[in-house]
Amino acid sequence: TETATPVAIKRFYDDRMAEVSRISWSREVEALQKLHGHKNIVEITGAGRCPETSRQYLALEWIDQSLAQWVGDKRYKWDDYFETIGRPILDALCFALGKNILHRDIKPDNILVSDDRIKVVDFGIAQFSEHFGRGQQTLILRGSMPFAPVWLANLGDQRKRDVYAFGVLSLCVLMSDLNPSNDLEVTKEIKKLK
């Protein structure tokens, strides 16, 4: 279908891990279809398999900037951060939870900004309610350090994961460091707050 509206194409590569790629694609399609219409969640405009390459893809609304680009060198105090960045992310996560979906990969790279509107993207390792607290292993160890440390996977109920990741993301924005290298660095910053 031709359109004058620009879109982003997310390609899924199944060369090395075909099953993981297939699961990730199907989770993202299902999650974004269920979450359609929320102002702080990326919109899916299409999905399928490329006839030339046989690779799965998603067509998503075009979003202008990453969170890091949008924040730039700006230093945030809590109230300003929460109103402009934190609340929209929490609104999206609460909406998703209300639809029985956990994101499980909240990090700066998965927060984009379009027309000064925060958008949560990448629901490829989302978990659905039928698996809450049941120790589902598929994609459980996927995620990004230090936003989803491996030890968090061992806690069973994955609802804690989005809460923890939101806290780390908030700390990173408030520290003006959107690329912490490990959870020890984050832990050190948390201890400074006590």
C-alpha atoms as a PDB file:
ATOM      1  CA  THR A   1       0.000   0.000   0.000  1.00  0.00           C
ATOM      2  CA  GLU A   2       1.348   3.431  -0.899  1.00  0.00           C
ATOM      3  CA  THR A   3       1.223   6.198   1.657  1.00  0.00           C
ATOM      4  CA  ALA A   4       2.495   9.759   1.890  1.00  0.00           C
ATOM      5  CA  THR A   5       3.059   9.345   5.619  1.00  0.00           C
ATOM      6  CA  PRO A   6       6.600   8.279   6.523  1.00  0.00           C
ATOM      7  CA  VAL A   7       6.959   5.076   8.524  1.00  0.00           C
ATOM      8  CA  ALA A   8       9.788   3.245  10.224  1.00  0.00           C
ATOM      9  CA  ILE A   9      10.430  -0.349   9.167  1.00  0.00           C
ATOM     10  CA  LYS A  10      11.650  -2.715  11.866  1.00  0.00           C
ATOM     11  CA  ARG A  11      13.155  -5.849  10.368  1.00  0.00           C
ATOM     12  CA  PHE A  12      13.466  -9.103  12.261  1.00  0.00           C
ATOM     13  CA  TYR A  13      16.477 -11.218  11.425  1.00  0.00           C
ATOM     14  CA  ASP A  14      16.101 -14.942  11.892  1.00  0.00           C
ATOM     15  CA  ASP A  15      19.484 -16.028  10.555  1.00  0.00           C
ATOM     16  CA  ARG A  16      20.912 -17.206  13.888  1.00  0.00           C
ATOM     17  CA  MET A  17      17.985 -17.456  16.269  1.00  0.00           C
ATOM     18  CA  ALA A  18      14.895 -18.122  14.175  1.00  0.00           C
ATOM     19  CA  GLU A  19      12.638 -19.121  17.084  1.00  0.00           C
ATOM     20  CA  VAL A  20      13.563 -16.069  19.193  1.00  0.00           C
ATOM     21  CA  SER A  21      12.996 -13.772  16.212  1.00  0.00           C
ATOM     22  CA  ARG A  22       9.624 -15.358  15.459  1.00  0.00           C
ATOM     23  CA  ILE A  23       8.464 -15.062  19.083  1.00  0.00           C
ATOM     24  CA  SER A  24       9.707 -11.484  19.372  1.00  0.00           C
ATOM     25  CA  TRP A  25       7.924 -10.467  16.166  1.00  0.00           C
ATOM     26  CA  SER A  26       4.636 -12.102  17.162  1.00  0.00           C
ATOM     27  CA  ARG A  27       4.744 -10.586  20.663  1.00  0.00           C
ATOM     28  CA  GLU A  28       5.384  -7.119  19.326  1.00  0.00           C
ATOM     29  CA  VAL A  29       2.607  -7.360  16.731  1.00  0.00           C
ATOM     30  CA  GLU A  30       0.109  -8.652  19.313  1.00  0.00           C
ATOM     31  CA  ALA A  31       1.104  -6.094  21.949  1.00  0.00           C
ATOM     32  CA  LEU A  32       0.969  -3.099  19.618  1.00  0.00           C
ATOM     33  CA  GLN A  33      -2.386  -4.161  18.197  1.00  0.00           C
ATOM     34  CA  LYS A  34      -3.815  -4.422  21.735  1.00  0.00           C
ATOM     35  CA  LEU A  35      -2.260  -1.083  22.738  1.00  0.00           C
ATOM     36  CA  HIS A  36      -3.453   0.823  19.662  1.00  0.00           C
ATOM     37  CA  GLY A  37      -4.519   4.389  20.295  1.00  0.00           C
ATOM     38  CA  HIS A  38      -2.476   5.320  23.357  1.00  0.00           C
ATOM     39  CA  LYS A  39      -0.742   8.645  22.788  1.00  0.00           C
ATOM     40  CA  ASN A  40       2.496   7.476  24.443  1.00  0.00           C
ATOM     41  CA  ILE A  41       2.861   4.110  22.667  1.00  0.00           C
ATOM     42  CA  VAL A  42       4.169   3.772  19.110  1.00  0.00           C
ATOM     43  CA  GLU A  43       1.489   2.927  16.541  1.00  0.00           C
ATOM     44  CA  ILE A  44       1.804  -0.113  14.307  1.00  0.00           C
ATOM     45  CA  THR A  45       0.715   0.566  10.727  1.00  0.00           C
ATOM     46  CA  GLY A  46       1.465  -2.842   9.239  1.00  0.00           C
ATOM     47  CA  ALA A  47       3.258  -6.148   9.663  1.00  0.00           C
ATOM     48  CA  GLY A  48       4.195  -9.041   7.482  1.00  0.00           C
ATOM     49  CA  ARG A  49       6.908 -10.941   5.693  1.00  0.00           C
ATOM     50  CA  CYS A  50       9.008  -9.405   2.924  1.00  0.00           C
ATOM     51  CA  PRO A  51       8.433 -11.398  -0.285  1.00  0.00           C
ATOM     52  CA  GLU A  52      12.042 -10.912  -1.449  1.00  0.00           C
ATOM     53  CA  THR A  53      13.873 -11.815   1.785  1.00  0.00           C
ATOM     54  CA  SER A  54      11.199 -13.765   3.712  1.00  0.00           C
ATOM     55  CA  ARG A  55      12.090 -11.692   6.790  1.00  0.00           C
ATOM     56  CA  GLN A  56       9.352 -10.513   9.099  1.00  0.00           C
ATOM     57  CA  TYR A  57       8.878  -6.778   9.531  1.00  0.00           C
ATOM     58  CA  LEU A  58       6.774  -4.185  11.295  1.00  0.00           C
ATOM     59  CA  ALA A  59       5.763  -0.836   9.845  1.00  0.00           C
ATOM     60  CA  LEU A  60       5.572   1.716  12.664  1.00  0.00           C
ATOM     61  CA  GLU A  61       4.746   5.384  12.895  1.00  0.00           C
ATOM     62  CA  TRP A  62       7.776   7.563  12.231  1.00  0.00           C
ATOM     63  CA  ILE A  63       9.217   9.070  15.414  1.00  0.00           C
ATOM     64  CA  ASP A  64      11.746  11.884  15.093  1.00  0.00           C
ATOM     65  CA  GLN A  65      14.174  11.553  17.981  1.00  0.00           C
ATOM     66  CA  SER A  66      15.618   9.281  20.608  1.00  0.00           C
ATOM     67  CA  LEU A  67      15.245  10.280  24.234  1.00  0.00           C
ATOM     68  CA  ALA A  68      18.984  11.042  24.375  1.00  0.00           C
ATOM     69  CA  GLN A  69      18.753  13.398  21.384  1.00  0.00           C
ATOM     70  CA  TRP A  70      15.710  15.147  22.801  1.00  0.00           C
ATOM     71  CA  VAL A  71      17.133  15.533  26.310  1.00  0.00           C
ATOM     72  CA  GLY A  72      20.551  16.625  25.018  1.00  0.00           C
ATOM     73  CA  ASP A  73      22.515  18.449  27.705  1.00  0.00           C
ATOM     74  CA  LYS A  74      19.430  19.508  29.648  1.00  0.00           C
ATOM     75  CA  ARG A  75      19.624  18.896  33.409  1.00  0.00           C
ATOM     76  CA  TYR A  76      16.341  17.875  34.980  1.00  0.00           C
ATOM     77  CA  LYS A  77      14.986  18.314  38.476  1.00  0.00           C
ATOM     78  CA  TRP A  78      12.437  15.702  39.559  1.00  0.00           C
ATOM     79  CA  ASP A  79       9.230  17.722  38.996  1.00  0.00           C
ATOM     80  CA  ASP A  80      10.191  18.800  35.469  1.00  0.00           C
ATOM     81  CA  TYR A  81      11.428  15.295  34.611  1.00  0.00           C
ATOM     82  CA  PHE A  82       8.278  13.662  35.910  1.00  0.00           C
ATOM     83  CA  GLU A  83       5.880  15.970  34.064  1.00  0.00           C
ATOM     84  CA  THR A  84       7.675  15.875  30.714  1.00  0.00           C
ATOM     85  CA  ILE A  85       9.166  12.357  30.625  1.00  0.00           C
ATOM     86  CA  GLY A  86       8.264  10.209  33.625  1.00  0.00           C
ATOM     87  CA  ARG A  87       4.488  10.580  33.681  1.00  0.00           C
ATOM     88  CA  PRO A  88       4.037   9.803  29.945  1.00  0.00           C
ATOM     89  CA  ILE A  89       6.153   6.656  30.316  1.00  0.00           C
ATOM     90  CA  LEU A  90       4.174   5.551  33.378  1.00  0.00           C
ATOM     91  CA  ASP A  91       0.889   6.332  31.594  1.00  0.00           C
ATOM     92  CA  ALA A  92       1.980   4.023  28.757  1.00  0.00           C
ATOM     93  CA  LEU A  93       3.133   1.264  31.131  1.00  0.00           C
ATOM     94  CA  CYS A  94      -0.075   1.487  33.201  1.00  0.00           C
ATOM     95  CA  PHE A  95      -2.181   1.359  30.040  1.00  0.00           C
ATOM     96  CA  ALA A  96      -0.251  -1.716  28.914  1.00  0.00           C
ATOM     97  CA  LEU A  97      -0.650  -3.360  32.327  1.00  0.00           C
ATOM     98  CA  GLY A  98      -4.380  -2.620  32.151  1.00  0.00           C
ATOM     99  CA  LYS A  99      -4.368  -4.617  28.909  1.00  0.00           C
ATOM    100  CA  ASN A 100      -2.392  -7.370  30.697  1.00  0.00           C
ATOM    101  CA  ILE A 101       0.901  -6.619  28.954  1.00  0.00           C
ATOM    102  CA  LEU A 102       4.308  -6.039  30.526  1.00  0.00           C
ATOM    103  CA  HIS A 103       6.921  -4.259  28.385  1.00  0.00           C
ATOM    104  CA  ARG A 104      10.017  -5.763  30.132  1.00  0.00           C
ATOM    105  CA  ASP A 105      12.618  -3.712  28.227  1.00  0.00           C
ATOM    106  CA  ILE A 106      12.260  -0.092  29.361  1.00  0.00           C
ATOM    107  CA  LYS A 107      15.513   1.746  28.610  1.00  0.00           C
ATOM    108  CA  PRO A 108      16.513   5.032  26.959  1.00  0.00           C
ATOM    109  CA  ASP A 109      16.724   3.441  23.494  1.00  0.00           C
ATOM    110  CA  ASN A 110      13.093   2.330  23.792  1.00  0.00           C
ATOM    111  CA  ILE A 111      11.783   5.808  24.590  1.00  0.00           C
ATOM    112  CA  LEU A 112      11.463   8.026  21.532  1.00  0.00           C
ATOM    113  CA  VAL A 113      10.076  11.535  21.073  1.00  0.00           C
ATOM    114  CA  SER A 114       7.930  12.953  18.283  1.00  0.00           C
ATOM    115  CA  ASP A 115       6.546  16.498  18.346  1.00  0.00           C
ATOM    116  CA  ASP A 116       7.524  16.711  22.037  1.00  0.00           C
ATOM    117  CA  ARG A 117       5.441  13.608  22.791  1.00  0.00           C
ATOM    118  CA  ILE A 118       7.112  10.724  24.619  1.00  0.00           C
ATOM    119  CA  LYS A 119       6.548   7.332  22.953  1.00  0.00           C
ATOM    120  CA  VAL A 120       7.347   3.887  24.351  1.00  0.00           C
ATOM    121  CA  VAL A 121       8.578   1.508  21.633  1.00  0.00           C
ATOM    122  CA  ASP A 122       9.875  -2.062  21.239  1.00  0.00           C
ATOM    123  CA  PHE A 123       7.457  -4.546  22.752  1.00  0.00           C
ATOM    124  CA  GLY A 124       9.448  -7.466  21.329  1.00  0.00           C
ATOM    125  CA  ILE A 125       9.977  -9.171  24.689  1.00  0.00           C
ATOM    126  CA  ALA A 126       6.599  -8.208  26.141  1.00  0.00           C
ATOM    127  CA  GLN A 127       4.900 -10.666  28.451  1.00  0.00           C
ATOM    128  CA  PHE A 128       1.150 -11.257  28.482  1.00  0.00           C
ATOM    129  CA  SER A 129      -1.023 -11.880  31.552  1.00  0.00           C
ATOM    130  CA  GLU A 130      -1.403 -15.595  30.966  1.00  0.00           C
ATOM    131  CA  HIS A 131       2.278 -15.852  31.921  1.00  0.00           C
ATOM    132  CA  PHE A 132       2.432 -13.398  34.872  1.00  0.00           C
ATOM    133  CA  GLY A 133       4.143 -15.068  37.797  1.00  0.00           C
ATOM    134  CA  ARG A 134       4.390 -18.434  36.069  1.00  0.00           C
ATOM    135  CA  GLY A 135       8.100 -18.375  35.371  1.00  0.00           C
ATOM    136  CA  GLN A 136       7.791 -18.442  31.594  1.00  0.00           C
ATOM    137  CA  GLN A 137      11.348 -18.787  30.329  1.00  0.00           C
ATOM    138  CA  THR A 138      11.008 -17.723  26.696  1.00  0.00           C
ATOM    139  CA  LEU A 139      12.860 -14.419  26.309  1.00  0.00           C
ATOM    140  CA  ILE A 140      13.009 -13.955  30.107  1.00  0.00           C
ATOM    141  CA  LEU A 141      16.753 -13.287  30.022  1.00  0.00           C
ATOM    142  CA  ARG A 142      16.409 -10.816  27.171  1.00  0.00           C
ATOM    143  CA  GLY A 143      16.667  -7.172  28.066  1.00  0.00           C
ATOM    144  CA  SER A 144      19.302  -4.558  28.574  1.00  0.00           C
ATOM    145  CA  MET A 145      21.732  -4.111  31.413  1.00  0.00           C
ATOM    146  CA  PRO A 146      21.436  -2.336  33.774  1.00  0.00           C
ATOM    147  CA  PHE A 147      17.746  -1.705  33.130  1.00  0.00           C
ATOM    148  CA  ALA A 148      16.834  -5.386  33.372  1.00  0.00           C
ATOM    149  CA  PRO A 149      19.596  -7.141  35.307  1.00  0.00           C
ATOM    150  CA  VAL A 150      19.750 -10.923  35.133  1.00  0.00           C
ATOM    151  CA  TRP A 151      19.086 -11.289  38.881  1.00  0.00           C
ATOM    152  CA  LEU A 152      15.678  -9.675  38.339  1.00  0.00           C
ATOM    153  CA  ALA A 153      14.650 -12.592  36.095  1.00  0.00           C
ATOM    154  CA  ASN A 154      14.968 -14.905  39.088  1.00  0.00           C
ATOM    155  CA  LEU A 155      12.306 -13.044  41.072  1.00  0.00           C
ATOM    156  CA  GLY A 156       9.454 -14.843  39.300  1.00  0.00           C
ATOM    157  CA  ASP A 157       6.729 -12.229  38.854  1.00  0.00           C
ATOM    158  CA  GLN A 158       7.928 -10.037  35.988  1.00  0.00           C
ATOM    159  CA  ARG A 159       5.779  -7.019  36.951  1.00  0.00           C
ATOM    160  CA  LYS A 160       8.746  -5.860  39.069  1.00  0.00           C
ATOM    161  CA  ARG A 161      10.878  -5.555  35.963  1.00  0.00           C
ATOM    162  CA  ASP A 162       9.105  -2.514  34.448  1.00  0.00           C
ATOM    163  CA  VAL A 163       9.065  -0.775  37.834  1.00  0.00           C
ATOM    164  CA  TYR A 164      12.791  -1.350  38.324  1.00  0.00           C
ATOM    165  CA  ALA A 165      13.621  -0.277  34.769  1.00  0.00           C
ATOM    166  CA  PHE A 166      11.549   2.905  35.127  1.00  0.00           C
ATOM    167  CA  GLY A 167      13.460   3.742  38.305  1.00  0.00           C
ATOM    168  CA  VAL A 168      16.830   3.189  36.610  1.00  0.00           C
ATOM    169  CA  LEU A 169      15.737   5.207  33.556  1.00  0.00           C
ATOM    170  CA  SER A 170      14.604   8.050  35.828  1.00  0.00           C
ATOM    171  CA  LEU A 171      17.879   7.999  37.708  1.00  0.00           C
ATOM    172  CA  CYS A 172      19.831   8.064  34.445  1.00  0.00           C
ATOM    173  CA  VAL A 173      17.943  11.092  33.128  1.00  0.00           C
ATOM    174  CA  LEU A 174      18.339  12.897  36.456  1.00  0.00           C
ATOM    175  CA  MET A 175      22.085  12.061  36.463  1.00  0.00           C
ATOM    176  CA  SER A 176      22.345  13.165  32.800  1.00  0.00           C
ATOM    177  CA  ASP A 177      23.823   9.766  31.923  1.00  0.00           C
ATOM    178  CA  LEU A 178      21.577   7.831  29.560  1.00  0.00           C
ATOM    179  CA  ASN A 179      24.190   5.145  28.930  1.00  0.00           C
ATOM    180  CA  PRO A 180      25.271   3.616  32.239  1.00  0.00           C
ATOM    181  CA  SER A 181      27.584   0.717  31.618  1.00  0.00           C
ATOM    182  CA  ASN A 182      26.434  -1.693  34.311  1.00  0.00           C
ATOM    183  CA  ASP A 183      24.173  -2.144  37.322  1.00  0.00           C
ATOM    184  CA  LEU A 184      27.079  -1.541  39.735  1.00  0.00           C
ATOM    185  CA  GLU A 185      27.297   2.003  38.405  1.00  0.00           C
ATOM    186  CA  VAL A 186      23.550   2.447  38.939  1.00  0.00           C
ATOM    187  CA  THR A 187      23.717   0.904  42.424  1.00  0.00           C
ATOM    188  CA  LYS A 188      26.474   3.362  43.343  1.00  0.00           C
ATOM    189  CA  GLU A 189      24.274   6.294  42.266  1.00  0.00           C
ATOM    190  CA  ILE A 190      21.280   4.912  44.188  1.00  0.00           C
ATOM    191  CA  LYS A 191      23.375   4.685  47.371  1.00  0.00           C
ATOM    192  CA  LYS A 192      24.280   8.361  46.972  1.00  0.00           C
ATOM    193  CA  LEU A 193      20.563   9.205  47.205  1.00  0.00           C
ATOM    194  CA  LYS A 194      20.152   7.609  50.650  1.00  0.00           C
END
